[in-house]
Amino acid sequence: MITTSYDPDTDAVYVRFGPKGTTVAETRELEPGILLDMDEIGHLVGIEVLNVQSRTKLSAGSENAK
């Protein structure tokens, strides 16, 4: 199961792969502001993208944002 969440306070999106509560053993920085969460055997369990609004051309008033 893939789930996503957005935190407007931190302007971050998190994409979770698998069940909520999976233990993150390591976080790797793919590039500045893009973090990969890995479990204890190295499988990708989540991706966090920081500063989302500065990374996209969509705005709250955009037709594509609906």
PDB file of N, CA and C in Angstrom:
ATOM      1  N   MET A   1       0.841  -1.173   0.000  1.00  0.00           N
ATOM      2  CA  MET A   1       0.000   0.000   0.000  1.00  0.00           C
ATOM      3  C   MET A   1       0.890   1.240   0.000  1.00  0.00           C
ATOM      4  N   ILE A   2       0.537   2.199  -0.826  1.00  0.00           N
ATOM      5  CA  ILE A   2       1.253   3.469  -0.888  1.00  0.00           C
ATOM      6  C   ILE A   2       0.327   4.561  -0.375  1.00  0.00           C
ATOM      7  N   THR A   3       0.813   5.346   0.583  1.00  0.00           N
ATOM      8  CA  THR A   3       0.038   6.467   1.104  1.00  0.00           C
ATOM      9  C   THR A   3       0.897   7.725   1.049  1.00  0.00           C
ATOM     10  N   THR A   4       0.230   8.859   0.952  1.00  0.00           N
ATOM     11  CA  THR A   4       0.944  10.129   0.939  1.00  0.00           C
ATOM     12  C   THR A   4       0.344  11.060   1.981  1.00  0.00           C
ATOM     13  N   SER A   5       1.163  11.959   2.472  1.00  0.00           N
ATOM     14  CA  SER A   5       0.671  12.982   3.390  1.00  0.00           C
ATOM     15  C   SER A   5       1.438  14.269   3.122  1.00  0.00           C
ATOM     16  N   TYR A   6       0.776  15.376   3.409  1.00  0.00           N
ATOM     17  CA  TYR A   6       1.387  16.694   3.237  1.00  0.00           C
ATOM     18  C   TYR A   6       1.257  17.459   4.534  1.00  0.00           C
ATOM     19  N   ASP A   7       2.352  18.046   4.992  1.00  0.00           N
ATOM     20  CA  ASP A   7       2.356  18.868   6.195  1.00  0.00           C
ATOM     21  C   ASP A   7       2.582  20.319   5.779  1.00  0.00           C
ATOM     22  N   PRO A   8       1.525  21.141   5.809  1.00  0.00           N
ATOM     23  CA  PRO A   8       1.680  22.532   5.378  1.00  0.00           C
ATOM     24  C   PRO A   8       2.585  23.355   6.300  1.00  0.00           C
ATOM     25  N   ASP A   9       2.709  22.964   7.554  1.00  0.00           N
ATOM     26  CA  ASP A   9       3.575  23.703   8.481  1.00  0.00           C
ATOM     27  C   ASP A   9       5.048  23.593   8.096  1.00  0.00           C
ATOM     28  N   THR A  10       5.439  22.426   7.594  1.00  0.00           N
ATOM     29  CA  THR A  10       6.833  22.220   7.192  1.00  0.00           C
ATOM     30  C   THR A  10       7.003  22.187   5.679  1.00  0.00           C
ATOM     31  N   ASP A  11       5.879  22.273   4.937  1.00  0.00           N
ATOM     32  CA  ASP A  11       5.879  22.218   3.470  1.00  0.00           C
ATOM     33  C   ASP A  11       6.606  20.965   2.989  1.00  0.00           C
ATOM     34  N   ALA A  12       6.191  19.825   3.548  1.00  0.00           N
ATOM     35  CA  ALA A  12       6.829  18.555   3.225  1.00  0.00           C
ATOM     36  C   ALA A  12       5.785  17.516   2.829  1.00  0.00           C
ATOM     37  N   VAL A  13       6.142  16.696   1.852  1.00  0.00           N
ATOM     38  CA  VAL A  13       5.318  15.563   1.434  1.00  0.00           C
ATOM     39  C   VAL A  13       6.047  14.296   1.842  1.00  0.00           C
ATOM     40  N   TYR A  14       5.280  13.328   2.356  1.00  0.00           N
ATOM     41  CA  TYR A  14       5.855  12.028   2.688  1.00  0.00           C
ATOM     42  C   TYR A  14       5.088  10.955   1.927  1.00  0.00           C
ATOM     43  N   VAL A  15       5.812  10.100   1.223  1.00  0.00           N
ATOM     44  CA  VAL A  15       5.226   8.965   0.512  1.00  0.00           C
ATOM     45  C   VAL A  15       5.684   7.715   1.246  1.00  0.00           C
ATOM     46  N   ARG A  16       4.707   6.952   1.756  1.00  0.00           N
ATOM     47  CA  ARG A  16       5.006   5.746   2.533  1.00  0.00           C
ATOM     48  C   ARG A  16       4.707   4.518   1.676  1.00  0.00           C
ATOM     49  N   PHE A  17       5.639   3.584   1.667  1.00  0.00           N
ATOM     50  CA  PHE A  17       5.468   2.317   0.963  1.00  0.00           C
ATOM     51  C   PHE A  17       5.299   1.233   2.015  1.00  0.00           C
ATOM     52  N   GLY A  18       4.124   0.651   2.084  1.00  0.00           N
ATOM     53  CA  GLY A  18       3.878  -0.378   3.080  1.00  0.00           C
ATOM     54  C   GLY A  18       3.080   0.156   4.246  1.00  0.00           C
ATOM     55  N   PRO A  19       2.924  -0.669   5.276  1.00  0.00           N
ATOM     56  CA  PRO A  19       2.061  -0.301   6.401  1.00  0.00           C
ATOM     57  C   PRO A  19       2.653   0.803   7.277  1.00  0.00           C
ATOM     58  N   LYS A  20       1.759   1.611   7.839  1.00  0.00           N
ATOM     59  CA  LYS A  20       2.178   2.649   8.780  1.00  0.00           C
ATOM     60  C   LYS A  20       2.802   1.974   9.997  1.00  0.00           C
ATOM     61  N   GLY A  21       3.838   2.581  10.518  1.00  0.00           N
ATOM     62  CA  GLY A  21       4.496   2.014  11.685  1.00  0.00           C
ATOM     63  C   GLY A  21       5.735   1.202  11.352  1.00  0.00           C
ATOM     64  N   THR A  22       6.032   1.047  10.058  1.00  0.00           N
ATOM     65  CA  THR A  22       7.253   0.347   9.674  1.00  0.00           C
ATOM     66  C   THR A  22       8.452   1.107  10.240  1.00  0.00           C
ATOM     67  N   THR A  23       9.367   0.394  10.833  1.00  0.00           N
ATOM     68  CA  THR A  23      10.525   1.014  11.464  1.00  0.00           C
ATOM     69  C   THR A  23      11.521   1.509  10.426  1.00  0.00           C
ATOM     70  N   VAL A  24      11.913   2.754  10.556  1.00  0.00           N
ATOM     71  CA  VAL A  24      12.946   3.336   9.696  1.00  0.00           C
ATOM     72  C   VAL A  24      14.281   3.146  10.400  1.00  0.00           C
ATOM     73  N   ALA A  25      15.183   2.420   9.743  1.00  0.00           N
ATOM     74  CA  ALA A  25      16.494   2.153  10.330  1.00  0.00           C
ATOM     75  C   ALA A  25      17.544   3.156   9.870  1.00  0.00           C
ATOM     76  N   GLU A  26      17.322   3.734   8.694  1.00  0.00           N
ATOM     77  CA  GLU A  26      18.314   4.660   8.140  1.00  0.00           C
ATOM     78  C   GLU A  26      17.617   5.641   7.210  1.00  0.00           C
ATOM     79  N   THR A  27      18.073   6.874   7.214  1.00  0.00           N
ATOM     80  CA  THR A  27      17.597   7.884   6.275  1.00  0.00           C
ATOM     81  C   THR A  27      18.782   8.335   5.436  1.00  0.00           C
ATOM     82  N   ARG A  28      18.598   8.267   4.120  1.00  0.00           N
ATOM     83  CA  ARG A  28      19.650   8.682   3.193  1.00  0.00           C
ATOM     84  C   ARG A  28      19.172   9.919   2.433  1.00  0.00           C
ATOM     85  N   GLU A  29      20.064  10.858   2.232  1.00  0.00           N
ATOM     86  CA  GLU A  29      19.727  12.052   1.471  1.00  0.00           C
ATOM     87  C   GLU A  29      20.083  11.806   0.006  1.00  0.00           C
ATOM     88  N   LEU A  30      19.050  11.735  -0.849  1.00  0.00           N
ATOM     89  CA  LEU A  30      19.264  11.527  -2.276  1.00  0.00           C
ATOM     90  C   LEU A  30      19.862  12.780  -2.903  1.00  0.00           C
ATOM     91  N   GLU A  31      19.289  13.911  -2.548  1.00  0.00           N
ATOM     92  CA  GLU A  31      19.789  15.235  -2.914  1.00  0.00           C
ATOM     93  C   GLU A  31      19.223  16.187  -1.875  1.00  0.00           C
ATOM     94  N   PRO A  32      19.685  17.421  -1.820  1.00  0.00           N
ATOM     95  CA  PRO A  32      19.161  18.327  -0.791  1.00  0.00           C
ATOM     96  C   PRO A  32      17.631  18.409  -0.820  1.00  0.00           C
ATOM     97  N   GLY A  33      17.025  18.094   0.307  1.00  0.00           N
ATOM     98  CA  GLY A  33      15.578  18.168   0.441  1.00  0.00           C
ATOM     99  C   GLY A  33      14.816  16.939   0.003  1.00  0.00           C
ATOM    100  N   ILE A  34      15.504  15.888  -0.425  1.00  0.00           N
ATOM    101  CA  ILE A  34      14.838  14.631  -0.779  1.00  0.00           C
ATOM    102  C   ILE A  34      15.499  13.520   0.025  1.00  0.00           C
ATOM    103  N   LEU A  35      14.714  12.954   0.950  1.00  0.00           N
ATOM    104  CA  LEU A  35      15.229  11.970   1.896  1.00  0.00           C
ATOM    105  C   LEU A  35      14.581  10.614   1.665  1.00  0.00           C
ATOM    106  N   LEU A  36      15.387   9.563   1.688  1.00  0.00           N
ATOM    107  CA  LEU A  36      14.910   8.199   1.513  1.00  0.00           C
ATOM    108  C   LEU A  36      14.986   7.474   2.847  1.00  0.00           C
ATOM    109  N   ASP A  37      13.880   6.907   3.289  1.00  0.00           N
ATOM    110  CA  ASP A  37      13.853   6.122   4.521  1.00  0.00           C
ATOM    111  C   ASP A  37      13.949   4.646   4.171  1.00  0.00           C
ATOM    112  N   MET A  38      14.883   3.964   4.826  1.00  0.00           N
ATOM    113  CA  MET A  38      15.135   2.548   4.574  1.00  0.00           C
ATOM    114  C   MET A  38      14.845   1.742   5.839  1.00  0.00           C
ATOM    115  N   ASP A  39      14.385   0.489   5.647  1.00  0.00           N
ATOM    116  CA  ASP A  39      14.181  -0.381   6.803  1.00  0.00           C
ATOM    117  C   ASP A  39      15.493  -1.075   7.158  1.00  0.00           C
ATOM    118  N   GLU A  40      15.436  -1.993   8.109  1.00  0.00           N
ATOM    119  CA  GLU A  40      16.652  -2.630   8.618  1.00  0.00           C
ATOM    120  C   GLU A  40      17.358  -3.518   7.600  1.00  0.00           C
ATOM    121  N   ILE A  41      16.670  -3.920   6.527  1.00  0.00           N
ATOM    122  CA  ILE A  41      17.341  -4.734   5.505  1.00  0.00           C
ATOM    123  C   ILE A  41      17.582  -3.953   4.211  1.00  0.00           C
ATOM    124  N   GLY A  42      17.403  -2.634   4.275  1.00  0.00           N
ATOM    125  CA  GLY A  42      17.738  -1.784   3.146  1.00  0.00           C
ATOM    126  C   GLY A  42      16.639  -1.537   2.139  1.00  0.00           C
ATOM    127  N   HIS A  43      15.416  -1.963   2.458  1.00  0.00           N
ATOM    128  CA  HIS A  43      14.293  -1.701   1.557  1.00  0.00           C
ATOM    129  C   HIS A  43      13.767  -0.286   1.761  1.00  0.00           C
ATOM    130  N   LEU A  44      13.383   0.343   0.668  1.00  0.00           N
ATOM    131  CA  LEU A  44      12.809   1.683   0.720  1.00  0.00           C
ATOM    132  C   LEU A  44      11.424   1.620   1.347  1.00  0.00           C
ATOM    133  N   VAL A  45      11.211   2.386   2.413  1.00  0.00           N
ATOM    134  CA  VAL A  45       9.902   2.404   3.080  1.00  0.00           C
ATOM    135  C   VAL A  45       9.228   3.766   2.998  1.00  0.00           C
ATOM    136  N   GLY A  46       9.983   4.808   2.598  1.00  0.00           N
ATOM    137  CA  GLY A  46       9.369   6.122   2.485  1.00  0.00           C
ATOM    138  C   GLY A  46      10.291   7.130   1.832  1.00  0.00           C
ATOM    139  N   ILE A  47       9.656   8.159   1.260  1.00  0.00           N
ATOM    140  CA  ILE A  47      10.383   9.271   0.656  1.00  0.00           C
ATOM    141  C   ILE A  47       9.797  10.557   1.210  1.00  0.00           C
ATOM    142  N   GLU A  48      10.654  11.440   1.687  1.00  0.00           N
ATOM    143  CA  GLU A  48      10.208  12.747   2.156  1.00  0.00           C
ATOM    144  C   GLU A  48      10.787  13.817   1.240  1.00  0.00           C
ATOM    145  N   VAL A  49       9.909  14.702   0.775  1.00  0.00           N
ATOM    146  CA  VAL A  49      10.324  15.814  -0.073  1.00  0.00           C
ATOM    147  C   VAL A  49      10.047  17.097   0.698  1.00  0.00           C
ATOM    148  N   LEU A  50      11.094  17.867   0.948  1.00  0.00           N
ATOM    149  CA  LEU A  50      10.986  19.121   1.689  1.00  0.00           C
ATOM    150  C   LEU A  50      10.849  20.298   0.724  1.00  0.00           C
ATOM    151  N   ASN A  51      10.267  21.382   1.212  1.00  0.00           N
ATOM    152  CA  ASN A  51      10.103  22.604   0.411  1.00  0.00           C
ATOM    153  C   ASN A  51       9.365  22.330  -0.896  1.00  0.00           C
ATOM    154  N   VAL A  52       8.242  21.647  -0.783  1.00  0.00           N
ATOM    155  CA  VAL A  52       7.482  21.208  -1.951  1.00  0.00           C
ATOM    156  C   VAL A  52       7.043  22.380  -2.823  1.00  0.00           C
ATOM    157  N   GLN A  53       6.564  23.440  -2.219  1.00  0.00           N
ATOM    158  CA  GLN A  53       6.038  24.547  -3.015  1.00  0.00           C
ATOM    159  C   GLN A  53       7.106  25.197  -3.881  1.00  0.00           C
ATOM    160  N   SER A  54       8.348  25.181  -3.442  1.00  0.00           N
ATOM    161  CA  SER A  54       9.413  25.760  -4.260  1.00  0.00           C
ATOM    162  C   SER A  54       9.878  24.797  -5.352  1.00  0.00           C
ATOM    163  N   ARG A  55       9.439  23.539  -5.294  1.00  0.00           N
ATOM    164  CA  ARG A  55       9.842  22.530  -6.275  1.00  0.00           C
ATOM    165  C   ARG A  55       8.808  22.326  -7.378  1.00  0.00           C
ATOM    166  N   THR A  56       7.649  22.946  -7.247  1.00  0.00           N
ATOM    167  CA  THR A  56       6.583  22.724  -8.214  1.00  0.00           C
ATOM    168  C   THR A  56       6.083  24.054  -8.751  1.00  0.00           C
ATOM    169  N   LYS A  57       5.532  24.016  -9.931  1.00  0.00           N
ATOM    170  CA  LYS A  57       4.987  25.221 -10.547  1.00  0.00           C
ATOM    171  C   LYS A  57       3.522  25.414 -10.191  1.00  0.00           C
ATOM    172  N   LEU A  58       2.926  24.443  -9.500  1.00  0.00           N
ATOM    173  CA  LEU A  58       1.525  24.552  -9.114  1.00  0.00           C
ATOM    174  C   LEU A  58       1.379  25.503  -7.941  1.00  0.00           C
ATOM    175  N   SER A  59       0.301  26.215  -7.912  1.00  0.00           N
ATOM    176  CA  SER A  59      -0.013  27.065  -6.768  1.00  0.00           C
ATOM    177  C   SER A  59      -1.414  26.721  -6.300  1.00  0.00           C
ATOM    178  N   ALA A  60      -1.789  27.177  -5.135  1.00  0.00           N
ATOM    179  CA  ALA A  60      -3.095  26.847  -4.573  1.00  0.00           C
ATOM    180  C   ALA A  60      -4.230  27.297  -5.483  1.00  0.00           C
ATOM    181  N   GLY A  61      -4.058  28.358  -6.234  1.00  0.00           N
ATOM    182  CA  GLY A  61      -5.099  28.851  -7.123  1.00  0.00           C
ATOM    183  C   GLY A  61      -5.058  28.247  -8.512  1.00  0.00           C
ATOM    184  N   SER A  62      -4.114  27.373  -8.767  1.00  0.00           N
ATOM    185  CA  SER A  62      -3.954  26.770 -10.081  1.00  0.00           C
ATOM    186  C   SER A  62      -5.055  25.762 -10.362  1.00  0.00           C
ATOM    187  N   GLU A  63      -5.476  25.690 -11.600  1.00  0.00           N
ATOM    188  CA  GLU A  63      -6.475  24.695 -12.011  1.00  0.00           C
ATOM    189  C   GLU A  63      -5.946  23.284 -11.775  1.00  0.00           C
ATOM    190  N   ASN A  64      -4.640  23.066 -11.946  1.00  0.00           N
ATOM    191  CA  ASN A  64      -4.052  21.743 -11.777  1.00  0.00           C
ATOM    192  C   ASN A  64      -3.948  21.319 -10.321  1.00  0.00           C
ATOM    193  N   ALA A  65      -4.099  22.236  -9.408  1.00  0.00           N
ATOM    194  CA  ALA A  65      -3.951  21.920  -7.984  1.00  0.00           C
ATOM    195  C   ALA A  65      -5.230  21.364  -7.387  1.00  0.00           C
ATOM    196  N   LYS A  66      -6.316  21.359  -8.136  1.00  0.00           N
ATOM    197  CA  LYS A  66      -7.607  20.896  -7.602  1.00  0.00           C
ATOM    198  C   LYS A  66      -7.712  19.399  -7.590  1.00  0.00           C
TER     199      LYS A  66
END
